């Protein structure tokens, strides 16, 4: 598999993980603090591992940061959490 395809898949996965956390934060009732912290901590761990694993190139590091921002910000900006809701339900955030 070419490297750029893997990069695109990794960035899409990271953005979806962040969108799931946003969906959990937008839910009513919100998930417990323990579940939210565990999922958020796991997301940060994935972020750090990705930067370490594929890092070194400034472009990829910026793209990873952009994917995190898109995953967190887009659901708030567009007013819907449909993108991450299915994953949030699957991991117990909803």
PDB file of N, CA and C in Angstrom:
ATOM      1  N   UNK A   1       0.855  -1.178   0.000  1.00  0.00           N
ATOM      2  CA  UNK A   1       0.000   0.000   0.000  1.00  0.00           C
ATOM      3  C   UNK A   1       0.898   1.236   0.000  1.00  0.00           C
ATOM      4  N   UNK A   2       0.667   2.142  -0.940  1.00  0.00           N
ATOM      5  CA  UNK A   2       1.484   3.359  -0.975  1.00  0.00           C
ATOM      6  C   UNK A   2       1.359   4.168   0.316  1.00  0.00           C
ATOM      7  N   UNK A   3       2.424   4.870   0.664  1.00  0.00           N
ATOM      8  CA  UNK A   3       2.463   5.618   1.909  1.00  0.00           C
ATOM      9  C   UNK A   3       1.401   6.695   2.018  1.00  0.00           C
ATOM     10  N   UNK A   4       1.064   7.339   0.919  1.00  0.00           N
ATOM     11  CA  UNK A   4       0.077   8.426   0.998  1.00  0.00           C
ATOM     12  C   UNK A   4      -1.311   7.899   1.301  1.00  0.00           C
ATOM     13  N   UNK A   5      -1.636   6.683   0.828  1.00  0.00           N
ATOM     14  CA  UNK A   5      -2.943   6.096   1.146  1.00  0.00           C
ATOM     15  C   UNK A   5      -3.026   5.806   2.633  1.00  0.00           C
ATOM     16  N   UNK A   6      -1.962   5.267   3.186  1.00  0.00           N
ATOM     17  CA  UNK A   6      -1.918   4.997   4.619  1.00  0.00           C
ATOM     18  C   UNK A   6      -2.051   6.290   5.420  1.00  0.00           C
ATOM     19  N   UNK A   7      -1.385   7.334   4.976  1.00  0.00           N
ATOM     20  CA  UNK A   7      -1.490   8.625   5.662  1.00  0.00           C
ATOM     21  C   UNK A   7      -2.925   9.147   5.653  1.00  0.00           C
ATOM     22  N   UNK A   8      -3.599   9.054   4.516  1.00  0.00           N
ATOM     23  CA  UNK A   8      -4.983   9.525   4.421  1.00  0.00           C
ATOM     24  C   UNK A   8      -5.887   8.709   5.335  1.00  0.00           C
ATOM     25  N   UNK A   9      -5.709   7.396   5.368  1.00  0.00           N
ATOM     26  CA  UNK A   9      -6.515   6.548   6.241  1.00  0.00           C
ATOM     27  C   UNK A   9      -6.268   6.853   7.716  1.00  0.00           C
ATOM     28  N   UNK A  10      -5.028   7.088   8.066  1.00  0.00           N
ATOM     29  CA  UNK A  10      -4.690   7.421   9.454  1.00  0.00           C
ATOM     30  C   UNK A  10      -5.325   8.747   9.847  1.00  0.00           C
ATOM     31  N   UNK A  11      -5.253   9.743   8.989  1.00  0.00           N
ATOM     32  CA  UNK A  11      -5.827  11.051   9.287  1.00  0.00           C
ATOM     33  C   UNK A  11      -7.351  10.980   9.394  1.00  0.00           C
ATOM     34  N   UNK A  12      -7.995  10.215   8.518  1.00  0.00           N
ATOM     35  CA  UNK A  12      -9.449  10.067   8.587  1.00  0.00           C
ATOM     36  C   UNK A  12      -9.864   9.348   9.868  1.00  0.00           C
ATOM     37  N   UNK A  13      -9.102   8.337  10.262  1.00  0.00           N
ATOM     38  CA  UNK A  13      -9.392   7.620  11.505  1.00  0.00           C
ATOM     39  C   UNK A  13      -9.232   8.530  12.706  1.00  0.00           C
ATOM     40  N   UNK A  14      -8.186   9.313  12.731  1.00  0.00           N
ATOM     41  CA  UNK A  14      -7.952  10.224  13.844  1.00  0.00           C
ATOM     42  C   UNK A  14      -9.050  11.278  13.931  1.00  0.00           C
ATOM     43  N   UNK A  15      -9.464  11.819  12.805  1.00  0.00           N
ATOM     44  CA  UNK A  15     -10.545  12.809  12.808  1.00  0.00           C
ATOM     45  C   UNK A  15     -11.853  12.184  13.287  1.00  0.00           C
ATOM     46  N   UNK A  16     -12.107  10.936  12.913  1.00  0.00           N
ATOM     47  CA  UNK A  16     -13.325  10.252  13.352  1.00  0.00           C
ATOM     48  C   UNK A  16     -13.290   9.977  14.851  1.00  0.00           C
ATOM     49  N   UNK A  17     -12.139   9.591  15.381  1.00  0.00           N
ATOM     50  CA  UNK A  17     -12.012   9.383  16.822  1.00  0.00           C
ATOM     51  C   UNK A  17     -12.290  10.678  17.590  1.00  0.00           C
ATOM     52  N   UNK A  18     -11.750  11.778  17.081  1.00  0.00           N
ATOM     53  CA  UNK A  18     -11.998  13.069  17.728  1.00  0.00           C
ATOM     54  C   UNK A  18     -13.469  13.467  17.607  1.00  0.00           C
ATOM     55  N   UNK A  19     -14.093  13.176  16.472  1.00  0.00           N
ATOM     56  CA  UNK A  19     -15.510  13.499  16.298  1.00  0.00           C
ATOM     57  C   UNK A  19     -16.385  12.682  17.243  1.00  0.00           C
ATOM     58  N   UNK A  20     -15.975  11.460  17.539  1.00  0.00           N
ATOM     59  CA  UNK A  20     -16.730  10.636  18.493  1.00  0.00           C
ATOM     60  C   UNK A  20     -16.683  11.246  19.884  1.00  0.00           C
ATOM     61  N   UNK A  21     -15.531  11.771  20.274  1.00  0.00           N
ATOM     62  CA  UNK A  21     -15.429  12.433  21.577  1.00  0.00           C
ATOM     63  C   UNK A  21     -16.317  13.673  21.599  1.00  0.00           C
ATOM     64  N   UNK A  22     -16.330  14.417  20.509  1.00  0.00           N
ATOM     65  CA  UNK A  22     -17.196  15.589  20.423  1.00  0.00           C
ATOM     66  C   UNK A  22     -18.666  15.191  20.508  1.00  0.00           C
ATOM     67  N   UNK A  23     -19.037  14.086  19.853  1.00  0.00           N
ATOM     68  CA  UNK A  23     -20.424  13.611  19.926  1.00  0.00           C
ATOM     69  C   UNK A  23     -20.784  13.251  21.368  1.00  0.00           C
ATOM     70  N   UNK A  24     -19.855  12.649  22.084  1.00  0.00           N
ATOM     71  CA  UNK A  24     -20.105  12.334  23.485  1.00  0.00           C
ATOM     72  C   UNK A  24     -20.265  13.575  24.337  1.00  0.00           C
ATOM     73  N   UNK A  25     -19.480  14.595  24.040  1.00  0.00           N
ATOM     74  CA  UNK A  25     -19.573  15.842  24.805  1.00  0.00           C
ATOM     75  C   UNK A  25     -20.855  16.608  24.487  1.00  0.00           C
ATOM     76  N   UNK A  26     -21.395  16.421  23.282  1.00  0.00           N
ATOM     77  CA  UNK A  26     -22.625  17.104  22.900  1.00  0.00           C
ATOM     78  C   UNK A  26     -23.867  16.343  23.344  1.00  0.00           C
ATOM     79  N   UNK A  27     -23.712  15.098  23.766  1.00  0.00           N
ATOM     80  CA  UNK A  27     -24.870  14.262  24.111  1.00  0.00           C
ATOM     81  C   UNK A  27     -25.530  14.742  25.397  1.00  0.00           C
ATOM     82  N   UNK A  28     -26.804  14.402  25.497  1.00  0.00           N
ATOM     83  CA  UNK A  28     -27.541  14.707  26.718  1.00  0.00           C
ATOM     84  C   UNK A  28     -28.267  13.432  27.139  1.00  0.00           C
ATOM     85  N   UNK A  29     -27.915  12.790  28.209  1.00  0.00           N
ATOM     86  CA  UNK A  29     -26.925  13.183  29.205  1.00  0.00           C
ATOM     87  C   UNK A  29     -25.513  12.856  28.735  1.00  0.00           C
ATOM     88  N   UNK A  30     -24.581  13.580  29.270  1.00  0.00           N
ATOM     89  CA  UNK A  30     -23.184  13.373  28.912  1.00  0.00           C
ATOM     90  C   UNK A  30     -22.668  12.089  29.548  1.00  0.00           C
ATOM     91  N   UNK A  31     -21.617  11.510  28.946  1.00  0.00           N
ATOM     92  CA  UNK A  31     -21.036  10.307  29.540  1.00  0.00           C
ATOM     93  C   UNK A  31     -20.383  10.641  30.876  1.00  0.00           C
ATOM     94  N   UNK A  32     -20.121   9.608  31.653  1.00  0.00           N
ATOM     95  CA  UNK A  32     -19.489   9.829  32.952  1.00  0.00           C
ATOM     96  C   UNK A  32     -18.091  10.417  32.761  1.00  0.00           C
ATOM     97  N   UNK A  33     -17.614  11.066  33.788  1.00  0.00           N
ATOM     98  CA  UNK A  33     -16.287  11.683  33.731  1.00  0.00           C
ATOM     99  C   UNK A  33     -15.212  10.630  33.496  1.00  0.00           C
ATOM    100  N   UNK A  34     -15.360   9.470  34.126  1.00  0.00           N
ATOM    101  CA  UNK A  34     -14.375   8.391  33.977  1.00  0.00           C
ATOM    102  C   UNK A  34     -14.296   7.925  32.528  1.00  0.00           C
ATOM    103  N   UNK A  35     -15.438   7.722  31.893  1.00  0.00           N
ATOM    104  CA  UNK A  35     -15.465   7.270  30.496  1.00  0.00           C
ATOM    105  C   UNK A  35     -14.885   8.351  29.581  1.00  0.00           C
ATOM    106  N   UNK A  36     -15.261   9.587  29.821  1.00  0.00           N
ATOM    107  CA  UNK A  36     -14.755  10.684  28.995  1.00  0.00           C
ATOM    108  C   UNK A  36     -13.240  10.824  29.120  1.00  0.00           C
ATOM    109  N   UNK A  37     -12.728  10.758  30.346  1.00  0.00           N
ATOM    110  CA  UNK A  37     -11.280  10.872  30.548  1.00  0.00           C
ATOM    111  C   UNK A  37     -10.532   9.682  29.955  1.00  0.00           C
ATOM    112  N   UNK A  38     -11.099   8.487  30.077  1.00  0.00           N
ATOM    113  CA  UNK A  38     -10.445   7.307  29.511  1.00  0.00           C
ATOM    114  C   UNK A  38     -10.380   7.403  27.993  1.00  0.00           C
ATOM    115  N   UNK A  39     -11.484   7.797  27.366  1.00  0.00           N
ATOM    116  CA  UNK A  39     -11.500   7.917  25.915  1.00  0.00           C
ATOM    117  C   UNK A  39     -10.587   9.058  25.455  1.00  0.00           C
ATOM    118  N   UNK A  40     -10.658  10.192  26.146  1.00  0.00           N
ATOM    119  CA  UNK A  40      -9.793  11.322  25.793  1.00  0.00           C
ATOM    120  C   UNK A  40      -8.324  10.994  25.966  1.00  0.00           C
ATOM    121  N   UNK A  41      -7.991  10.283  27.036  1.00  0.00           N
ATOM    122  CA  UNK A  41      -6.600   9.866  27.252  1.00  0.00           C
ATOM    123  C   UNK A  41      -6.126   8.912  26.173  1.00  0.00           C
ATOM    124  N   UNK A  42      -7.013   8.004  25.767  1.00  0.00           N
ATOM    125  CA  UNK A  42      -6.667   7.099  24.673  1.00  0.00           C
ATOM    126  C   UNK A  42      -6.464   7.838  23.368  1.00  0.00           C
ATOM    127  N   UNK A  43      -7.281   8.841  23.137  1.00  0.00           N
ATOM    128  CA  UNK A  43      -7.147   9.650  21.924  1.00  0.00           C
ATOM    129  C   UNK A  43      -5.819  10.411  21.920  1.00  0.00           C
ATOM    130  N   UNK A  44      -5.447  10.958  23.045  1.00  0.00           N
ATOM    131  CA  UNK A  44      -4.158  11.659  23.138  1.00  0.00           C
ATOM    132  C   UNK A  44      -3.010  10.679  22.921  1.00  0.00           C
ATOM    133  N   UNK A  45      -3.128   9.468  23.479  1.00  0.00           N
ATOM    134  CA  UNK A  45      -2.099   8.449  23.279  1.00  0.00           C
ATOM    135  C   UNK A  45      -1.966   8.091  21.804  1.00  0.00           C
ATOM    136  N   UNK A  46      -3.088   7.913  21.126  1.00  0.00           N
ATOM    137  CA  UNK A  46      -3.054   7.625  19.688  1.00  0.00           C
ATOM    138  C   UNK A  46      -2.398   8.776  18.935  1.00  0.00           C
ATOM    139  N   UNK A  47      -2.728   9.998  19.293  1.00  0.00           N
ATOM    140  CA  UNK A  47      -2.134  11.180  18.662  1.00  0.00           C
ATOM    141  C   UNK A  47      -0.613  11.177  18.828  1.00  0.00           C
ATOM    142  N   UNK A  48      -0.144  10.940  20.049  1.00  0.00           N
ATOM    143  CA  UNK A  48       1.299  10.939  20.320  1.00  0.00           C
ATOM    144  C   UNK A  48       1.994   9.803  19.567  1.00  0.00           C
ATOM    145  N   UNK A  49       1.386   8.624  19.571  1.00  0.00           N
ATOM    146  CA  UNK A  49       1.990   7.494  18.865  1.00  0.00           C
ATOM    147  C   UNK A  49       2.055   7.740  17.358  1.00  0.00           C
ATOM    148  N   UNK A  50       1.016   8.350  16.795  1.00  0.00           N
ATOM    149  CA  UNK A  50       1.036   8.640  15.364  1.00  0.00           C
ATOM    150  C   UNK A  50       2.120   9.638  15.004  1.00  0.00           C
ATOM    151  N   UNK A  51       2.242  10.662  15.795  1.00  0.00           N
ATOM    152  CA  UNK A  51       3.277  11.661  15.514  1.00  0.00           C
ATOM    153  C   UNK A  51       4.662  11.029  15.635  1.00  0.00           C
ATOM    154  N   UNK A  52       4.819  10.140  16.607  1.00  0.00           N
ATOM    155  CA  UNK A  52       6.112   9.472  16.782  1.00  0.00           C
ATOM    156  C   UNK A  52       6.363   8.463  15.659  1.00  0.00           C
ATOM    157  N   UNK A  53       5.321   7.711  15.276  1.00  0.00           N
ATOM    158  CA  UNK A  53       5.462   6.651  14.278  1.00  0.00           C
ATOM    159  C   UNK A  53       5.678   7.210  12.882  1.00  0.00           C
ATOM    160  N   UNK A  54       4.838   8.151  12.484  1.00  0.00           N
ATOM    161  CA  UNK A  54       4.923   8.694  11.135  1.00  0.00           C
ATOM    162  C   UNK A  54       5.513  10.102  11.116  1.00  0.00           C
ATOM    163  N   UNK A  55       5.877  10.585  12.285  1.00  0.00           N
ATOM    164  CA  UNK A  55       6.357  11.955  12.397  1.00  0.00           C
ATOM    165  C   UNK A  55       7.699  12.158  11.723  1.00  0.00           C
ATOM    166  N   UNK A  56       8.229  13.295  11.943  1.00  0.00           N
ATOM    167  CA  UNK A  56       9.492  13.620  11.318  1.00  0.00           C
ATOM    168  C   UNK A  56       9.293  14.540  10.132  1.00  0.00           C
ATOM    169  N   UNK A  57       8.165  14.379   9.452  1.00  0.00           N
ATOM    170  CA  UNK A  57       7.871  15.297   8.368  1.00  0.00           C
ATOM    171  C   UNK A  57       6.917  16.354   8.908  1.00  0.00           C
ATOM    172  N   UNK A  58       7.254  17.565   8.679  1.00  0.00           N
ATOM    173  CA  UNK A  58       6.462  18.680   9.198  1.00  0.00           C
ATOM    174  C   UNK A  58       5.057  18.674   8.602  1.00  0.00           C
ATOM    175  N   UNK A  59       4.931  18.250   7.348  1.00  0.00           N
ATOM    176  CA  UNK A  59       3.631  18.215   6.702  1.00  0.00           C
ATOM    177  C   UNK A  59       2.702  17.219   7.394  1.00  0.00           C
ATOM    178  N   UNK A  60       3.200  16.015   7.699  1.00  0.00           N
ATOM    179  CA  UNK A  60       2.352  15.015   8.351  1.00  0.00           C
ATOM    180  C   UNK A  60       1.961  15.478   9.743  1.00  0.00           C
ATOM    181  N   UNK A  61       2.895  16.063  10.481  1.00  0.00           N
ATOM    182  CA  UNK A  61       2.576  16.559  11.818  1.00  0.00           C
ATOM    183  C   UNK A  61       1.478  17.624  11.749  1.00  0.00           C
ATOM    184  N   UNK A  62       1.550  18.499  10.789  1.00  0.00           N
ATOM    185  CA  UNK A  62       0.510  19.521  10.626  1.00  0.00           C
ATOM    186  C   UNK A  62      -0.822  18.894  10.227  1.00  0.00           C
ATOM    187  N   UNK A  63      -0.762  17.884   9.380  1.00  0.00           N
ATOM    188  CA  UNK A  63      -1.995  17.212   8.965  1.00  0.00           C
ATOM    189  C   UNK A  63      -2.647  16.480  10.137  1.00  0.00           C
ATOM    190  N   UNK A  64      -1.840  15.868  11.002  1.00  0.00           N
ATOM    191  CA  UNK A  64      -2.383  15.199  12.192  1.00  0.00           C
ATOM    192  C   UNK A  64      -3.062  16.229  13.086  1.00  0.00           C
ATOM    193  N   UNK A  65      -2.419  17.356  13.285  1.00  0.00           N
ATOM    194  CA  UNK A  65      -3.028  18.418  14.088  1.00  0.00           C
ATOM    195  C   UNK A  65      -4.309  18.924  13.432  1.00  0.00           C
ATOM    196  N   UNK A  66      -4.296  19.055  12.127  1.00  0.00           N
ATOM    197  CA  UNK A  66      -5.491  19.491  11.409  1.00  0.00           C
ATOM    198  C   UNK A  66      -6.626  18.486  11.517  1.00  0.00           C
ATOM    199  N   UNK A  67      -6.291  17.204  11.493  1.00  0.00           N
ATOM    200  CA  UNK A  67      -7.321  16.169  11.635  1.00  0.00           C
ATOM    201  C   UNK A  67      -7.947  16.229  13.020  1.00  0.00           C
ATOM    202  N   UNK A  68      -7.138  16.463  14.044  1.00  0.00           N
ATOM    203  CA  UNK A  68      -7.674  16.574  15.401  1.00  0.00           C
ATOM    204  C   UNK A  68      -8.590  17.795  15.505  1.00  0.00           C
ATOM    205  N   UNK A  69      -8.155  18.911  14.949  1.00  0.00           N
ATOM    206  CA  UNK A  69      -8.963  20.131  15.001  1.00  0.00           C
ATOM    207  C   UNK A  69     -10.261  19.940  14.220  1.00  0.00           C
ATOM    208  N   UNK A  70     -10.176  19.305  13.057  1.00  0.00           N
ATOM    209  CA  UNK A  70     -11.380  19.054  12.266  1.00  0.00           C
ATOM    210  C   UNK A  70     -12.337  18.129  13.009  1.00  0.00           C
ATOM    211  N   UNK A  71     -11.799  17.096  13.634  1.00  0.00           N
ATOM    212  CA  UNK A  71     -12.648  16.166  14.359  1.00  0.00           C
ATOM    213  C   UNK A  71     -13.341  16.798  15.546  1.00  0.00           C
ATOM    214  N   UNK A  72     -12.635  17.682  16.243  1.00  0.00           N
ATOM    215  CA  UNK A  72     -13.237  18.370  17.380  1.00  0.00           C
ATOM    216  C   UNK A  72     -14.126  19.531  16.943  1.00  0.00           C
ATOM    217  N   UNK A  73     -13.685  20.292  15.962  1.00  0.00           N
ATOM    218  CA  UNK A  73     -14.352  21.542  15.618  1.00  0.00           C
ATOM    219  C   UNK A  73     -15.517  21.438  14.662  1.00  0.00           C
ATOM    220  N   UNK A  74     -15.415  20.567  13.656  1.00  0.00           N
ATOM    221  CA  UNK A  74     -16.466  20.498  12.654  1.00  0.00           C
ATOM    222  C   UNK A  74     -17.841  20.188  13.225  1.00  0.00           C
ATOM    223  N   UNK A  75     -17.986  19.218  14.131  1.00  0.00           N
ATOM    224  CA  UNK A  75     -19.323  18.974  14.670  1.00  0.00           C
ATOM    225  C   UNK A  75     -19.915  20.181  15.396  1.00  0.00           C
ATOM    226  N   UNK A  76     -19.076  20.985  16.047  1.00  0.00           N
ATOM    227  CA  UNK A  76     -19.582  22.189  16.724  1.00  0.00           C
ATOM    228  C   UNK A  76     -19.973  23.242  15.703  1.00  0.00           C
ATOM    229  N   UNK A  77     -19.163  23.407  14.655  1.00  0.00           N
ATOM    230  CA  UNK A  77     -19.412  24.455  13.656  1.00  0.00           C
ATOM    231  C   UNK A  77     -20.654  24.147  12.825  1.00  0.00           C
ATOM    232  N   UNK A  78     -20.776  22.905  12.357  1.00  0.00           N
ATOM    233  CA  UNK A  78     -21.919  22.575  11.501  1.00  0.00           C
ATOM    234  C   UNK A  78     -23.162  22.219  12.299  1.00  0.00           C
ATOM    235  N   UNK A  79     -23.020  22.062  13.601  1.00  0.00           N
ATOM    236  CA  UNK A  79     -24.179  21.860  14.466  1.00  0.00           C
ATOM    237  C   UNK A  79     -24.730  20.449  14.503  1.00  0.00           C
ATOM    238  N   UNK A  80     -23.969  19.477  14.045  1.00  0.00           N
ATOM    239  CA  UNK A  80     -24.426  18.085  14.109  1.00  0.00           C
ATOM    240  C   UNK A  80     -23.252  17.185  14.468  1.00  0.00           C
ATOM    241  N   UNK A  81     -23.574  16.096  15.147  1.00  0.00           N
ATOM    242  CA  UNK A  81     -22.535  15.146  15.538  1.00  0.00           C
ATOM    243  C   UNK A  81     -22.726  13.793  14.870  1.00  0.00           C
ATOM    244  N   UNK A  82     -23.404  13.796  13.717  1.00  0.00           N
ATOM    245  CA  UNK A  82     -23.707  12.555  13.013  1.00  0.00           C
ATOM    246  C   UNK A  82     -22.438  11.800  12.651  1.00  0.00           C
ATOM    247  N   UNK A  83     -21.395  12.520  12.260  1.00  0.00           N
ATOM    248  CA  UNK A  83     -20.147  11.909  11.806  1.00  0.00           C
ATOM    249  C   UNK A  83     -19.557  11.000  12.879  1.00  0.00           C
ATOM    250  N   UNK A  84     -19.522  11.435  14.129  1.00  0.00           N
ATOM    251  CA  UNK A  84     -18.901  10.642  15.184  1.00  0.00           C
ATOM    252  C   UNK A  84     -19.871   9.895  16.076  1.00  0.00           C
ATOM    253  N   UNK A  85     -21.163  10.093  15.867  1.00  0.00           N
ATOM    254  CA  UNK A  85     -22.155   9.494  16.772  1.00  0.00           C
ATOM    255  C   UNK A  85     -22.110   7.978  16.776  1.00  0.00           C
ATOM    256  N   UNK A  86     -21.960   7.350  15.628  1.00  0.00           N
ATOM    257  CA  UNK A  86     -21.971   5.889  15.581  1.00  0.00           C
ATOM    258  C   UNK A  86     -20.793   5.308  16.351  1.00  0.00           C
ATOM    259  N   UNK A  87     -19.626   5.944  16.256  1.00  0.00           N
ATOM    260  CA  UNK A  87     -18.465   5.458  17.002  1.00  0.00           C
ATOM    261  C   UNK A  87     -18.639   5.732  18.485  1.00  0.00           C
ATOM    262  N   UNK A  88     -19.199   6.887  18.821  1.00  0.00           N
ATOM    263  CA  UNK A  88     -19.439   7.217  20.226  1.00  0.00           C
ATOM    264  C   UNK A  88     -20.395   6.200  20.863  1.00  0.00           C
ATOM    265  N   UNK A  89     -21.396   5.773  20.116  1.00  0.00           N
ATOM    266  CA  UNK A  89     -22.313   4.756  20.630  1.00  0.00           C
ATOM    267  C   UNK A  89     -21.609   3.418  20.787  1.00  0.00           C
ATOM    268  N   UNK A  90     -20.729   3.100  19.850  1.00  0.00           N
ATOM    269  CA  UNK A  90     -20.030   1.811  19.884  1.00  0.00           C
ATOM    270  C   UNK A  90     -19.065   1.700  21.056  1.00  0.00           C
ATOM    271  N   UNK A  91     -18.434   2.808  21.448  1.00  0.00           N
ATOM    272  CA  UNK A  91     -17.454   2.741  22.539  1.00  0.00           C
ATOM    273  C   UNK A  91     -18.034   3.131  23.893  1.00  0.00           C
ATOM    274  N   UNK A  92     -19.324   3.421  23.932  1.00  0.00           N
ATOM    275  CA  UNK A  92     -19.976   3.691  25.215  1.00  0.00           C
ATOM    276  C   UNK A  92     -19.973   5.131  25.680  1.00  0.00           C
ATOM    277  N   UNK A  93     -19.706   6.059  24.773  1.00  0.00           N
ATOM    278  CA  UNK A  93     -19.761   7.475  25.141  1.00  0.00           C
ATOM    279  C   UNK A  93     -21.194   7.994  25.155  1.00  0.00           C
ATOM    280  N   UNK A  94     -22.117   7.283  24.532  1.00  0.00           N
ATOM    281  CA  UNK A  94     -23.523   7.692  24.508  1.00  0.00           C
ATOM    282  C   UNK A  94     -24.365   6.658  25.204  1.00  0.00           C
TER     283      UNK A  94
END
